[in-house]
Amino acid sequence: MIRIEKILAVSQQHSACVSLPIDQRVKSRLKVTLDDGREAGLFLPRGQILRGGDLLQSTDGLVIKVEAACETVSTVHSDNAHALARACYHLGNRHVPLQITATWIRYQHDHVLDSMVAGLGLSVAVEQAPFEPEAGAYQNTAHSNQHHH
């Protein structure tokens, strides 16, 4: 089994990929299957979130690109910044991880949360998409690529 122990800080060519949903990208110890079918184990420093585009290195020098896998999410689009801010406030009060942009927010799908957001006058779309939530004010993201879509 491939043993992955390092998060690379500098971009370089990769020779393998691994697609993981957010629930797996927050774990530091995990058995994974690379996109080409090879098995690997993550043995990474604790407390870091892997982001789509991050590069990992195995003990034998293999460079592996992390892809944010599509998963079931709820996405709320609006041109009304105040309405999106209200939704963020209410979801944040429930400690819901959020991916936030200027015109939409996204969270892991939950029908109860969808109803609450709809009650605020916003439309919720359930879809399959990558989920890249905010890391949090105190999360170490020095290794992460900052993606803004």
N, C-alpha and C. Protein backbone atom coordinates (compact mmCIF):
# COMPACT_ATOMS: atom_id res chain seq x y z
N MET A 1 0.85 -1.19 0.00
CA MET A 1 0.00 0.00 0.00
C MET A 1 0.89 1.24 0.00
N ILE A 2 0.47 2.23 -0.75
CA ILE A 2 1.19 3.50 -0.83
C ILE A 2 0.96 4.26 0.48
N ARG A 3 2.02 4.78 1.07
CA ARG A 3 1.92 5.51 2.33
C ARG A 3 2.16 6.99 2.05
N ILE A 4 1.12 7.82 2.30
CA ILE A 4 1.18 9.26 2.03
C ILE A 4 1.35 9.98 3.36
N GLU A 5 2.45 10.73 3.49
CA GLU A 5 2.76 11.37 4.77
C GLU A 5 2.99 12.87 4.68
N LYS A 6 2.98 13.43 3.49
CA LYS A 6 3.40 14.82 3.35
C LYS A 6 2.45 15.62 2.46
N ILE A 7 2.16 16.85 2.89
CA ILE A 7 1.43 17.82 2.07
C ILE A 7 2.48 18.75 1.49
N LEU A 8 2.50 18.87 0.18
CA LEU A 8 3.51 19.70 -0.48
C LEU A 8 3.07 21.16 -0.49
N ALA A 9 4.02 22.06 -0.23
CA ALA A 9 3.73 23.49 -0.21
C ALA A 9 3.98 24.14 -1.57
N VAL A 10 4.76 23.47 -2.41
CA VAL A 10 5.13 24.03 -3.71
C VAL A 10 4.51 23.18 -4.81
N SER A 11 3.95 23.86 -5.79
CA SER A 11 3.32 23.16 -6.92
C SER A 11 4.36 22.41 -7.74
N GLN A 12 4.01 21.22 -8.14
CA GLN A 12 4.86 20.43 -9.02
C GLN A 12 4.01 19.44 -9.79
N GLN A 13 4.61 18.76 -10.73
CA GLN A 13 3.89 17.78 -11.53
C GLN A 13 3.42 16.63 -10.65
N HIS A 14 2.21 16.15 -10.93
CA HIS A 14 1.69 15.01 -10.18
C HIS A 14 1.53 13.83 -11.14
N SER A 15 1.58 12.63 -10.58
CA SER A 15 1.44 11.43 -11.41
C SER A 15 0.26 10.57 -10.99
N ALA A 16 -0.51 11.06 -10.01
CA ALA A 16 -1.71 10.34 -9.56
C ALA A 16 -2.69 11.35 -8.98
N CYS A 17 -3.96 10.93 -8.88
CA CYS A 17 -5.01 11.76 -8.29
C CYS A 17 -5.81 10.93 -7.31
N VAL A 18 -6.39 11.62 -6.33
CA VAL A 18 -7.33 10.99 -5.41
C VAL A 18 -8.51 11.94 -5.24
N SER A 19 -9.73 11.44 -5.46
CA SER A 19 -10.95 12.24 -5.33
C SER A 19 -11.62 11.90 -4.01
N LEU A 20 -11.82 12.92 -3.17
CA LEU A 20 -12.37 12.69 -1.83
C LEU A 20 -13.44 13.73 -1.51
N PRO A 21 -14.54 13.31 -0.87
CA PRO A 21 -15.52 14.28 -0.38
C PRO A 21 -14.96 14.97 0.87
N ILE A 22 -15.61 16.03 1.30
CA ILE A 22 -15.12 16.81 2.44
C ILE A 22 -15.01 15.97 3.71
N ASP A 23 -15.92 15.03 3.93
CA ASP A 23 -15.86 14.22 5.15
C ASP A 23 -14.56 13.42 5.24
N GLN A 24 -13.96 13.11 4.10
CA GLN A 24 -12.68 12.40 4.10
C GLN A 24 -11.50 13.36 4.04
N ARG A 25 -11.69 14.55 3.47
CA ARG A 25 -10.59 15.51 3.36
C ARG A 25 -10.26 16.19 4.69
N VAL A 26 -11.08 15.98 5.71
CA VAL A 26 -10.78 16.54 7.03
C VAL A 26 -10.07 15.53 7.93
N LYS A 27 -9.89 14.31 7.46
CA LYS A 27 -9.25 13.26 8.26
C LYS A 27 -7.76 13.18 7.95
N SER A 28 -6.96 12.92 8.98
CA SER A 28 -5.52 12.81 8.78
C SER A 28 -5.06 11.36 8.67
N ARG A 29 -5.88 10.43 9.09
CA ARG A 29 -5.58 9.00 9.00
C ARG A 29 -6.74 8.34 8.26
N LEU A 30 -6.45 7.80 7.07
CA LEU A 30 -7.54 7.29 6.25
C LEU A 30 -6.99 6.37 5.17
N LYS A 31 -7.68 5.26 4.92
CA LYS A 31 -7.36 4.40 3.78
C LYS A 31 -8.15 4.94 2.59
N VAL A 32 -7.47 5.18 1.46
CA VAL A 32 -8.10 5.74 0.27
C VAL A 32 -7.76 4.89 -0.95
N THR A 33 -8.53 5.09 -2.00
CA THR A 33 -8.23 4.47 -3.29
C THR A 33 -7.95 5.58 -4.28
N LEU A 34 -6.76 5.56 -4.87
CA LEU A 34 -6.42 6.56 -5.88
C LEU A 34 -7.33 6.37 -7.08
N ASP A 35 -7.47 7.40 -7.90
CA ASP A 35 -8.37 7.34 -9.05
C ASP A 35 -7.99 6.23 -10.03
N ASP A 36 -6.72 5.79 -10.00
CA ASP A 36 -6.30 4.70 -10.88
C ASP A 36 -6.47 3.32 -10.25
N GLY A 37 -7.08 3.27 -9.05
CA GLY A 37 -7.38 2.00 -8.40
C GLY A 37 -6.39 1.54 -7.35
N ARG A 38 -5.24 2.16 -7.25
CA ARG A 38 -4.25 1.76 -6.24
C ARG A 38 -4.71 2.19 -4.85
N GLU A 39 -4.41 1.35 -3.86
CA GLU A 39 -4.76 1.68 -2.47
C GLU A 39 -3.64 2.47 -1.83
N ALA A 40 -4.03 3.38 -0.95
CA ALA A 40 -3.06 4.21 -0.25
C ALA A 40 -3.59 4.52 1.14
N GLY A 41 -2.69 4.89 2.01
CA GLY A 41 -3.05 5.30 3.35
C GLY A 41 -2.57 6.71 3.61
N LEU A 42 -3.45 7.54 4.15
CA LEU A 42 -3.07 8.90 4.54
C LEU A 42 -2.58 8.87 5.98
N PHE A 43 -1.41 9.42 6.21
CA PHE A 43 -0.83 9.57 7.54
C PHE A 43 -0.30 11.00 7.60
N LEU A 44 -1.21 11.95 7.67
CA LEU A 44 -0.88 13.37 7.55
C LEU A 44 -0.93 14.07 8.90
N PRO A 45 -0.32 15.26 8.98
CA PRO A 45 -0.43 16.04 10.22
C PRO A 45 -1.89 16.31 10.56
N ARG A 46 -2.22 16.24 11.81
CA ARG A 46 -3.61 16.43 12.25
C ARG A 46 -4.02 17.90 12.15
N GLY A 47 -5.33 18.11 11.98
CA GLY A 47 -5.89 19.46 12.06
C GLY A 47 -5.87 20.25 10.77
N GLN A 48 -5.63 19.61 9.64
CA GLN A 48 -5.61 20.34 8.38
C GLN A 48 -6.69 19.78 7.45
N ILE A 49 -7.26 20.65 6.66
CA ILE A 49 -8.27 20.26 5.69
C ILE A 49 -7.60 20.20 4.32
N LEU A 50 -7.74 19.07 3.64
CA LEU A 50 -7.24 18.97 2.27
C LEU A 50 -8.22 19.68 1.35
N ARG A 51 -7.69 20.42 0.40
CA ARG A 51 -8.49 21.16 -0.57
C ARG A 51 -8.24 20.61 -1.96
N GLY A 52 -9.24 20.75 -2.82
CA GLY A 52 -9.04 20.38 -4.21
C GLY A 52 -7.86 21.16 -4.77
N GLY A 53 -6.93 20.46 -5.38
CA GLY A 53 -5.73 21.09 -5.92
C GLY A 53 -4.50 20.90 -5.05
N ASP A 54 -4.69 20.53 -3.77
CA ASP A 54 -3.54 20.27 -2.91
C ASP A 54 -2.75 19.09 -3.46
N LEU A 55 -1.46 19.09 -3.19
CA LEU A 55 -0.58 18.01 -3.61
C LEU A 55 -0.04 17.28 -2.40
N LEU A 56 -0.03 15.96 -2.48
CA LEU A 56 0.47 15.10 -1.42
C LEU A 56 1.67 14.33 -1.95
N GLN A 57 2.53 13.87 -1.04
CA GLN A 57 3.66 13.05 -1.48
C GLN A 57 3.74 11.80 -0.62
N SER A 58 3.95 10.67 -1.31
CA SER A 58 4.10 9.40 -0.61
C SER A 58 5.55 9.23 -0.17
N THR A 59 5.77 8.24 0.69
CA THR A 59 7.12 7.98 1.19
C THR A 59 8.06 7.55 0.08
N ASP A 60 7.51 7.03 -1.03
CA ASP A 60 8.37 6.63 -2.16
C ASP A 60 8.45 7.69 -3.25
N GLY A 61 7.96 8.93 -2.97
CA GLY A 61 8.12 10.06 -3.89
C GLY A 61 6.98 10.30 -4.85
N LEU A 62 5.93 9.48 -4.82
CA LEU A 62 4.79 9.68 -5.71
C LEU A 62 4.06 10.96 -5.32
N VAL A 63 3.78 11.85 -6.30
CA VAL A 63 3.05 13.09 -6.05
C VAL A 63 1.60 12.88 -6.49
N ILE A 64 0.67 13.16 -5.58
CA ILE A 64 -0.75 12.87 -5.77
C ILE A 64 -1.55 14.16 -5.62
N LYS A 65 -2.36 14.46 -6.62
CA LYS A 65 -3.22 15.65 -6.57
C LYS A 65 -4.55 15.29 -5.93
N VAL A 66 -5.01 16.11 -4.99
CA VAL A 66 -6.30 15.94 -4.33
C VAL A 66 -7.37 16.62 -5.18
N GLU A 67 -8.44 15.90 -5.45
CA GLU A 67 -9.61 16.46 -6.13
C GLU A 67 -10.77 16.46 -5.14
N ALA A 68 -11.52 17.55 -5.10
CA ALA A 68 -12.74 17.60 -4.28
C ALA A 68 -13.82 16.84 -5.03
N ALA A 69 -14.21 15.68 -4.51
CA ALA A 69 -15.21 14.84 -5.17
C ALA A 69 -16.58 15.50 -5.12
N CYS A 70 -17.39 15.23 -6.14
CA CYS A 70 -18.78 15.69 -6.12
C CYS A 70 -19.52 14.94 -5.02
N GLU A 71 -20.39 15.66 -4.34
CA GLU A 71 -21.23 15.07 -3.30
C GLU A 71 -22.55 15.81 -3.28
N THR A 72 -23.52 15.29 -2.54
CA THR A 72 -24.83 15.92 -2.48
C THR A 72 -24.77 17.16 -1.61
N VAL A 73 -25.04 18.29 -2.24
CA VAL A 73 -24.98 19.58 -1.55
C VAL A 73 -26.25 20.38 -1.85
N SER A 74 -26.47 21.38 -1.03
CA SER A 74 -27.53 22.35 -1.27
C SER A 74 -26.86 23.66 -1.63
N THR A 75 -27.26 24.25 -2.75
CA THR A 75 -26.67 25.50 -3.21
C THR A 75 -27.76 26.55 -3.31
N VAL A 76 -27.46 27.73 -2.79
CA VAL A 76 -28.40 28.84 -2.76
C VAL A 76 -27.81 29.99 -3.56
N HIS A 77 -28.43 30.32 -4.69
CA HIS A 77 -27.98 31.43 -5.54
C HIS A 77 -28.87 32.64 -5.27
N SER A 78 -28.25 33.82 -5.22
CA SER A 78 -29.03 35.05 -5.09
C SER A 78 -28.15 36.25 -5.44
N ASP A 79 -28.75 37.24 -6.08
CA ASP A 79 -28.07 38.51 -6.32
C ASP A 79 -28.28 39.46 -5.15
N ASN A 80 -29.07 39.03 -4.17
CA ASN A 80 -29.37 39.84 -3.01
C ASN A 80 -28.37 39.51 -1.89
N ALA A 81 -27.36 40.35 -1.73
CA ALA A 81 -26.30 40.10 -0.74
C ALA A 81 -26.86 40.04 0.68
N HIS A 82 -27.86 40.86 0.97
CA HIS A 82 -28.46 40.85 2.31
C HIS A 82 -29.14 39.53 2.60
N ALA A 83 -29.86 38.99 1.64
CA ALA A 83 -30.53 37.70 1.82
C ALA A 83 -29.52 36.58 2.03
N LEU A 84 -28.42 36.59 1.25
CA LEU A 84 -27.37 35.58 1.44
C LEU A 84 -26.71 35.73 2.80
N ALA A 85 -26.47 36.97 3.22
CA ALA A 85 -25.86 37.21 4.54
C ALA A 85 -26.77 36.69 5.65
N ARG A 86 -28.07 36.90 5.53
CA ARG A 86 -29.02 36.38 6.54
C ARG A 86 -28.96 34.86 6.58
N ALA A 87 -28.91 34.23 5.40
CA ALA A 87 -28.84 32.76 5.37
C ALA A 87 -27.54 32.29 6.02
N CYS A 88 -26.42 32.95 5.73
CA CYS A 88 -25.14 32.59 6.35
C CYS A 88 -25.22 32.73 7.87
N TYR A 89 -25.85 33.80 8.32
CA TYR A 89 -26.00 34.02 9.76
C TYR A 89 -26.77 32.87 10.41
N HIS A 90 -27.91 32.52 9.85
CA HIS A 90 -28.75 31.48 10.46
C HIS A 90 -28.10 30.10 10.35
N LEU A 91 -27.44 29.81 9.24
CA LEU A 91 -26.73 28.53 9.11
C LEU A 91 -25.53 28.49 10.04
N GLY A 92 -24.83 29.61 10.17
CA GLY A 92 -23.69 29.69 11.08
C GLY A 92 -24.09 29.49 12.52
N ASN A 93 -25.28 29.97 12.89
CA ASN A 93 -25.77 29.75 14.26
C ASN A 93 -25.98 28.27 14.54
N ARG A 94 -26.11 27.47 13.50
CA ARG A 94 -26.27 26.03 13.63
C ARG A 94 -24.95 25.30 13.37
N HIS A 95 -23.86 26.05 13.30
CA HIS A 95 -22.51 25.51 13.09
C HIS A 95 -22.42 24.67 11.83
N VAL A 96 -23.09 25.12 10.78
CA VAL A 96 -23.08 24.42 9.51
C VAL A 96 -21.88 24.91 8.69
N PRO A 97 -20.99 24.02 8.28
CA PRO A 97 -19.90 24.44 7.39
C PRO A 97 -20.47 24.99 6.08
N LEU A 98 -19.93 26.12 5.62
CA LEU A 98 -20.44 26.79 4.42
C LEU A 98 -19.33 27.09 3.44
N GLN A 99 -19.66 26.96 2.18
CA GLN A 99 -18.82 27.48 1.10
C GLN A 99 -19.52 28.76 0.67
N ILE A 100 -18.80 29.87 0.70
CA ILE A 100 -19.41 31.18 0.49
C ILE A 100 -18.74 31.90 -0.67
N THR A 101 -19.56 32.38 -1.61
CA THR A 101 -19.07 33.25 -2.68
C THR A 101 -19.93 34.51 -2.67
N ALA A 102 -19.67 35.41 -3.59
CA ALA A 102 -20.42 36.66 -3.65
C ALA A 102 -21.88 36.46 -4.07
N THR A 103 -22.16 35.39 -4.82
CA THR A 103 -23.52 35.22 -5.35
C THR A 103 -24.18 33.89 -4.96
N TRP A 104 -23.48 33.02 -4.22
CA TRP A 104 -24.10 31.78 -3.78
C TRP A 104 -23.39 31.23 -2.55
N ILE A 105 -24.13 30.40 -1.83
CA ILE A 105 -23.57 29.66 -0.70
C ILE A 105 -23.91 28.19 -0.89
N ARG A 106 -23.11 27.32 -0.28
CA ARG A 106 -23.31 25.88 -0.42
C ARG A 106 -23.03 25.20 0.91
N TYR A 107 -23.82 24.17 1.20
CA TYR A 107 -23.62 23.36 2.41
C TYR A 107 -24.00 21.93 2.10
N GLN A 108 -23.55 21.00 2.95
CA GLN A 108 -23.93 19.61 2.75
C GLN A 108 -25.44 19.51 2.89
N HIS A 109 -26.05 18.80 1.96
CA HIS A 109 -27.51 18.74 1.88
C HIS A 109 -28.14 18.25 3.19
N ASP A 110 -29.17 18.96 3.60
CA ASP A 110 -29.99 18.59 4.76
C ASP A 110 -31.36 19.22 4.52
N HIS A 111 -32.40 18.40 4.42
CA HIS A 111 -33.73 18.93 4.08
C HIS A 111 -34.26 19.90 5.11
N VAL A 112 -33.89 19.74 6.38
CA VAL A 112 -34.34 20.67 7.42
C VAL A 112 -33.71 22.05 7.19
N LEU A 113 -32.41 22.06 6.88
CA LEU A 113 -31.75 23.33 6.59
C LEU A 113 -32.29 23.96 5.31
N ASP A 114 -32.59 23.11 4.31
CA ASP A 114 -33.18 23.63 3.07
C ASP A 114 -34.50 24.34 3.37
N SER A 115 -35.32 23.77 4.22
CA SER A 115 -36.62 24.38 4.58
C SER A 115 -36.40 25.71 5.29
N MET A 116 -35.43 25.76 6.19
CA MET A 116 -35.14 26.99 6.92
C MET A 116 -34.71 28.09 5.93
N VAL A 117 -33.80 27.75 5.00
CA VAL A 117 -33.32 28.73 4.02
C VAL A 117 -34.46 29.18 3.10
N ALA A 118 -35.30 28.25 2.69
CA ALA A 118 -36.47 28.61 1.87
C ALA A 118 -37.39 29.54 2.63
N GLY A 119 -37.51 29.33 3.95
CA GLY A 119 -38.32 30.21 4.79
C GLY A 119 -37.78 31.63 4.85
N LEU A 120 -36.51 31.80 4.51
CA LEU A 120 -35.92 33.13 4.45
C LEU A 120 -36.13 33.78 3.09
N GLY A 121 -36.86 33.08 2.20
CA GLY A 121 -37.19 33.64 0.89
C GLY A 121 -36.18 33.30 -0.20
N LEU A 122 -35.33 32.32 0.04
CA LEU A 122 -34.32 31.95 -0.96
C LEU A 122 -34.65 30.59 -1.56
N SER A 123 -34.21 30.37 -2.78
CA SER A 123 -34.40 29.08 -3.45
C SER A 123 -33.17 28.21 -3.24
N VAL A 124 -33.43 26.94 -2.95
CA VAL A 124 -32.35 25.98 -2.69
C VAL A 124 -32.35 24.94 -3.80
N ALA A 125 -31.18 24.68 -4.38
CA ALA A 125 -31.03 23.65 -5.40
C ALA A 125 -30.19 22.52 -4.80
N VAL A 126 -30.71 21.30 -4.83
CA VAL A 126 -29.95 20.13 -4.40
C VAL A 126 -29.22 19.60 -5.62
N GLU A 127 -27.91 19.43 -5.51
CA GLU A 127 -27.12 19.03 -6.66
C GLU A 127 -25.90 18.22 -6.24
N GLN A 128 -25.23 17.66 -7.21
CA GLN A 128 -23.96 16.99 -7.02
C GLN A 128 -22.86 17.96 -7.42
N ALA A 129 -22.00 18.34 -6.47
CA ALA A 129 -20.95 19.31 -6.75
C ALA A 129 -19.85 19.16 -5.70
N PRO A 130 -18.65 19.62 -6.02
CA PRO A 130 -17.59 19.63 -5.00
C PRO A 130 -17.96 20.59 -3.88
N PHE A 131 -17.51 20.29 -2.66
CA PHE A 131 -17.81 21.13 -1.50
C PHE A 131 -16.50 21.55 -0.86
N GLU A 132 -16.25 22.85 -0.86
CA GLU A 132 -15.04 23.44 -0.28
C GLU A 132 -15.43 24.48 0.77
N PRO A 133 -15.80 24.03 1.97
CA PRO A 133 -16.27 24.99 2.99
C PRO A 133 -15.15 25.89 3.50
N GLU A 134 -15.56 27.02 4.06
CA GLU A 134 -14.63 27.90 4.75
C GLU A 134 -13.89 27.10 5.80
N ALA A 135 -12.61 27.37 5.96
CA ALA A 135 -11.80 26.61 6.91
C ALA A 135 -12.05 27.05 8.35
N GLY A 136 -12.50 28.26 8.54
CA GLY A 136 -12.68 28.78 9.89
C GLY A 136 -11.57 29.76 10.22
N ALA A 137 -11.86 30.65 11.12
CA ALA A 137 -10.93 31.73 11.44
C ALA A 137 -9.62 31.23 12.03
N TYR A 138 -9.62 30.09 12.70
CA TYR A 138 -8.42 29.62 13.37
C TYR A 138 -7.81 28.40 12.70
N GLN A 139 -8.34 27.99 11.55
CA GLN A 139 -7.84 26.81 10.83
C GLN A 139 -6.55 27.17 10.10
N ASN A 140 -5.56 26.29 10.20
CA ASN A 140 -4.29 26.48 9.47
C ASN A 140 -4.51 26.09 8.02
N THR A 141 -4.45 27.05 7.11
CA THR A 141 -4.63 26.76 5.69
C THR A 141 -3.40 27.18 4.90
N ALA A 142 -2.26 27.29 5.55
CA ALA A 142 -1.06 27.76 4.86
C ALA A 142 -0.68 26.86 3.69
N HIS A 143 -1.01 25.57 3.76
CA HIS A 143 -0.65 24.65 2.68
C HIS A 143 -1.64 24.67 1.54
N SER A 144 -2.81 25.24 1.76
CA SER A 144 -3.88 25.12 0.80
C SER A 144 -3.78 26.12 -0.34
N ASN A 145 -4.25 25.69 -1.49
CA ASN A 145 -4.42 26.61 -2.60
C ASN A 145 -5.71 27.36 -2.37
N GLN A 146 -5.71 28.65 -2.56
CA GLN A 146 -6.93 29.43 -2.35
C GLN A 146 -7.70 29.49 -3.66
N HIS A 147 -8.82 28.79 -3.72
CA HIS A 147 -9.65 28.74 -4.91
C HIS A 147 -10.89 29.59 -4.71
N HIS A 148 -11.16 30.44 -5.65
CA HIS A 148 -12.38 31.26 -5.61
C HIS A 148 -13.08 31.06 -6.94
N HIS A 149 -14.23 30.43 -6.92
CA HIS A 149 -14.96 30.10 -8.16
C HIS A 149 -16.15 31.01 -8.30
